N, C-alpha and C. Protein backbone atom coordinates (compact mmCIF):
# COMPACT_ATOMS: atom_id res chain seq x y z
N MET A 1 0.84 -1.16 0.00
CA MET A 1 0.00 0.00 0.00
C MET A 1 0.90 1.24 0.00
N ILE A 2 0.55 2.19 -0.82
CA ILE A 2 1.32 3.43 -0.91
C ILE A 2 0.72 4.45 0.06
N ILE A 3 1.57 4.99 0.92
CA ILE A 3 1.18 6.07 1.82
C ILE A 3 1.93 7.31 1.36
N SER A 4 1.19 8.29 0.86
CA SER A 4 1.84 9.48 0.30
C SER A 4 1.80 10.68 1.24
N ASP A 5 1.04 10.59 2.30
CA ASP A 5 0.87 11.71 3.22
C ASP A 5 1.75 11.50 4.46
N LEU A 6 2.64 12.44 4.74
CA LEU A 6 3.54 12.34 5.89
C LEU A 6 2.75 12.24 7.19
N ASN A 7 1.70 13.02 7.35
CA ASN A 7 0.91 12.97 8.58
C ASN A 7 0.28 11.60 8.78
N LYS A 8 -0.19 11.00 7.71
CA LYS A 8 -0.77 9.65 7.78
C LYS A 8 0.31 8.64 8.17
N MET A 9 1.50 8.76 7.60
CA MET A 9 2.59 7.83 7.92
C MET A 9 3.00 7.99 9.37
N GLU A 10 3.08 9.22 9.87
CA GLU A 10 3.41 9.45 11.27
C GLU A 10 2.37 8.81 12.19
N GLU A 11 1.12 8.91 11.81
CA GLU A 11 0.03 8.29 12.59
C GLU A 11 0.19 6.77 12.62
N ILE A 12 0.52 6.18 11.49
CA ILE A 12 0.70 4.73 11.40
C ILE A 12 1.88 4.29 12.27
N VAL A 13 3.00 5.00 12.18
CA VAL A 13 4.19 4.65 12.97
C VAL A 13 3.90 4.80 14.46
N ASN A 14 3.17 5.84 14.85
CA ASN A 14 2.85 6.04 16.25
C ASN A 14 1.95 4.94 16.82
N LYS A 15 1.10 4.35 15.98
CA LYS A 15 0.17 3.31 16.43
C LYS A 15 0.78 1.92 16.45
N ASN A 16 1.88 1.70 15.73
CA ASN A 16 2.46 0.37 15.60
C ASN A 16 3.83 0.33 16.29
N SER A 17 3.94 -0.44 17.37
CA SER A 17 5.18 -0.49 18.14
C SER A 17 6.32 -1.15 17.38
N ASN A 18 6.04 -1.86 16.29
CA ASN A 18 7.09 -2.50 15.49
C ASN A 18 7.66 -1.56 14.44
N LEU A 19 7.09 -0.38 14.30
CA LEU A 19 7.56 0.60 13.33
C LEU A 19 8.25 1.75 14.03
N SER A 20 9.27 2.30 13.37
CA SER A 20 9.96 3.48 13.90
C SER A 20 10.53 4.26 12.72
N TRP A 21 11.00 5.46 13.02
CA TRP A 21 11.59 6.33 12.01
C TRP A 21 13.11 6.26 12.08
N ASP A 22 13.75 6.34 10.93
CA ASP A 22 15.19 6.55 10.80
C ASP A 22 15.35 7.59 9.70
N GLY A 23 15.35 8.85 10.09
CA GLY A 23 15.31 9.92 9.08
C GLY A 23 13.95 9.88 8.41
N TRP A 24 13.95 9.78 7.09
CA TRP A 24 12.70 9.68 6.33
C TRP A 24 12.27 8.24 6.12
N ASN A 25 13.12 7.29 6.47
CA ASN A 25 12.82 5.87 6.31
C ASN A 25 11.98 5.37 7.47
N VAL A 26 11.10 4.42 7.17
CA VAL A 26 10.32 3.74 8.20
C VAL A 26 10.93 2.35 8.36
N ILE A 27 11.20 1.98 9.61
CA ILE A 27 11.82 0.71 9.94
C ILE A 27 10.78 -0.20 10.58
N HIS A 28 10.71 -1.45 10.09
CA HIS A 28 9.85 -2.46 10.71
C HIS A 28 10.75 -3.53 11.30
N LEU A 29 10.58 -3.82 12.60
CA LEU A 29 11.33 -4.87 13.27
C LEU A 29 10.38 -5.99 13.66
N SER A 30 10.81 -7.21 13.36
CA SER A 30 10.03 -8.40 13.70
C SER A 30 10.95 -9.38 14.41
N LYS A 31 10.64 -9.73 15.66
CA LYS A 31 11.48 -10.63 16.44
C LYS A 31 11.61 -11.97 15.75
N SER A 32 12.86 -12.48 15.73
CA SER A 32 13.13 -13.76 15.09
C SER A 32 14.41 -14.35 15.67
N ASN A 33 14.34 -15.59 16.14
CA ASN A 33 15.53 -16.25 16.67
C ASN A 33 16.56 -16.54 15.58
N SER A 34 16.11 -16.69 14.35
CA SER A 34 17.03 -16.98 13.25
C SER A 34 17.59 -15.72 12.59
N ALA A 35 17.22 -14.56 13.09
CA ALA A 35 17.65 -13.29 12.47
C ALA A 35 19.16 -13.13 12.49
N MET A 36 19.83 -13.74 13.46
CA MET A 36 21.29 -13.59 13.54
C MET A 36 21.99 -14.21 12.33
N TYR A 37 21.29 -15.07 11.60
CA TYR A 37 21.86 -15.72 10.42
C TYR A 37 21.41 -15.06 9.11
N LYS A 38 20.59 -14.06 9.20
CA LYS A 38 20.02 -13.40 8.02
C LYS A 38 20.76 -12.11 7.70
N GLN A 39 20.79 -11.76 6.42
CA GLN A 39 21.43 -10.53 5.99
C GLN A 39 20.73 -9.30 6.56
N ASN A 40 19.42 -9.38 6.73
CA ASN A 40 18.67 -8.24 7.25
C ASN A 40 18.37 -8.40 8.75
N GLY A 41 19.17 -9.22 9.44
CA GLY A 41 19.04 -9.37 10.88
C GLY A 41 19.63 -8.16 11.60
N ALA A 42 19.00 -7.80 12.71
CA ALA A 42 19.45 -6.65 13.50
C ALA A 42 19.26 -6.97 14.98
N PHE A 43 20.29 -6.71 15.78
CA PHE A 43 20.22 -6.91 17.22
C PHE A 43 19.80 -5.59 17.85
N VAL A 44 18.56 -5.52 18.32
CA VAL A 44 17.99 -4.29 18.87
C VAL A 44 17.38 -4.59 20.23
N ASN A 45 17.76 -3.80 21.23
CA ASN A 45 17.24 -3.97 22.59
C ASN A 45 17.41 -5.41 23.08
N ASN A 46 18.61 -5.95 22.88
CA ASN A 46 18.97 -7.31 23.34
C ASN A 46 18.11 -8.41 22.72
N THR A 47 17.56 -8.17 21.53
CA THR A 47 16.73 -9.15 20.83
C THR A 47 17.07 -9.14 19.35
N TRP A 48 17.14 -10.34 18.76
CA TRP A 48 17.36 -10.44 17.32
C TRP A 48 16.05 -10.20 16.58
N ASN A 49 16.12 -9.39 15.54
CA ASN A 49 14.95 -9.00 14.74
C ASN A 49 15.28 -9.06 13.25
N ILE A 50 14.26 -9.29 12.46
CA ILE A 50 14.35 -9.08 11.02
C ILE A 50 14.00 -7.61 10.79
N LYS A 51 14.88 -6.91 10.12
CA LYS A 51 14.71 -5.47 9.90
C LYS A 51 14.34 -5.21 8.44
N THR A 52 13.22 -4.54 8.24
CA THR A 52 12.78 -4.15 6.91
C THR A 52 12.74 -2.62 6.87
N VAL A 53 13.38 -2.05 5.86
CA VAL A 53 13.45 -0.59 5.72
C VAL A 53 12.57 -0.17 4.54
N TYR A 54 11.68 0.77 4.81
CA TYR A 54 10.82 1.34 3.77
C TYR A 54 11.28 2.76 3.50
N GLU A 55 11.91 2.95 2.36
CA GLU A 55 12.38 4.28 1.95
C GLU A 55 11.27 4.97 1.15
N PRO A 56 11.11 6.26 1.34
CA PRO A 56 10.07 6.95 0.57
C PRO A 56 10.50 7.08 -0.89
N GLY A 57 9.57 6.82 -1.78
CA GLY A 57 9.80 7.03 -3.20
C GLY A 57 9.10 8.30 -3.64
N LYS A 58 9.02 8.53 -4.92
CA LYS A 58 8.39 9.77 -5.40
C LYS A 58 6.89 9.80 -5.10
N ASN A 59 6.27 8.63 -4.87
CA ASN A 59 4.85 8.57 -4.55
C ASN A 59 4.59 8.38 -3.06
N GLY A 60 5.63 8.21 -2.26
CA GLY A 60 5.46 7.98 -0.83
C GLY A 60 6.11 6.67 -0.41
N TRP A 61 5.64 6.11 0.70
CA TRP A 61 6.17 4.86 1.23
C TRP A 61 5.33 3.70 0.74
N ASN A 62 5.95 2.70 0.15
CA ASN A 62 5.26 1.50 -0.29
C ASN A 62 5.44 0.45 0.81
N ILE A 63 4.47 0.37 1.70
CA ILE A 63 4.59 -0.47 2.90
C ILE A 63 3.55 -1.58 2.86
N LYS A 64 3.90 -2.75 3.38
CA LYS A 64 2.98 -3.88 3.39
C LYS A 64 1.74 -3.55 4.22
N SER A 65 0.60 -3.94 3.73
CA SER A 65 -0.65 -3.68 4.45
C SER A 65 -0.67 -4.33 5.82
N SER A 66 0.00 -5.46 5.98
CA SER A 66 0.02 -6.15 7.28
C SER A 66 0.73 -5.34 8.34
N HIS A 67 1.62 -4.43 7.94
CA HIS A 67 2.33 -3.58 8.90
C HIS A 67 1.49 -2.38 9.34
N LEU A 68 0.37 -2.18 8.72
CA LEU A 68 -0.47 -1.02 9.00
C LEU A 68 -1.47 -1.28 10.12
N GLU A 69 -1.58 -2.50 10.57
CA GLU A 69 -2.57 -2.85 11.61
C GLU A 69 -1.97 -2.84 12.98
C-alpha cells in the first residue's frame, strides 16, 4: 500500500510499536531467533529481529498492508 501523506505515515508509525523512524525511512522490526543468520538481521534492545526498511519514493512509502494494523 502506498502512503503518500507524511501525517498519515506518522500516525501509522505512532500506532504500531514494530515501526519506527530513521530519518525519512520507516523501519519495521520483527522478532526472530534466526535473524542472527540473516542478511537483514538486527540486534535491537537485546533481541534479534528481522529489519525491513521502507524508503520513501516519489509517490510515498510503499509499505505492506500487514504492517499497518
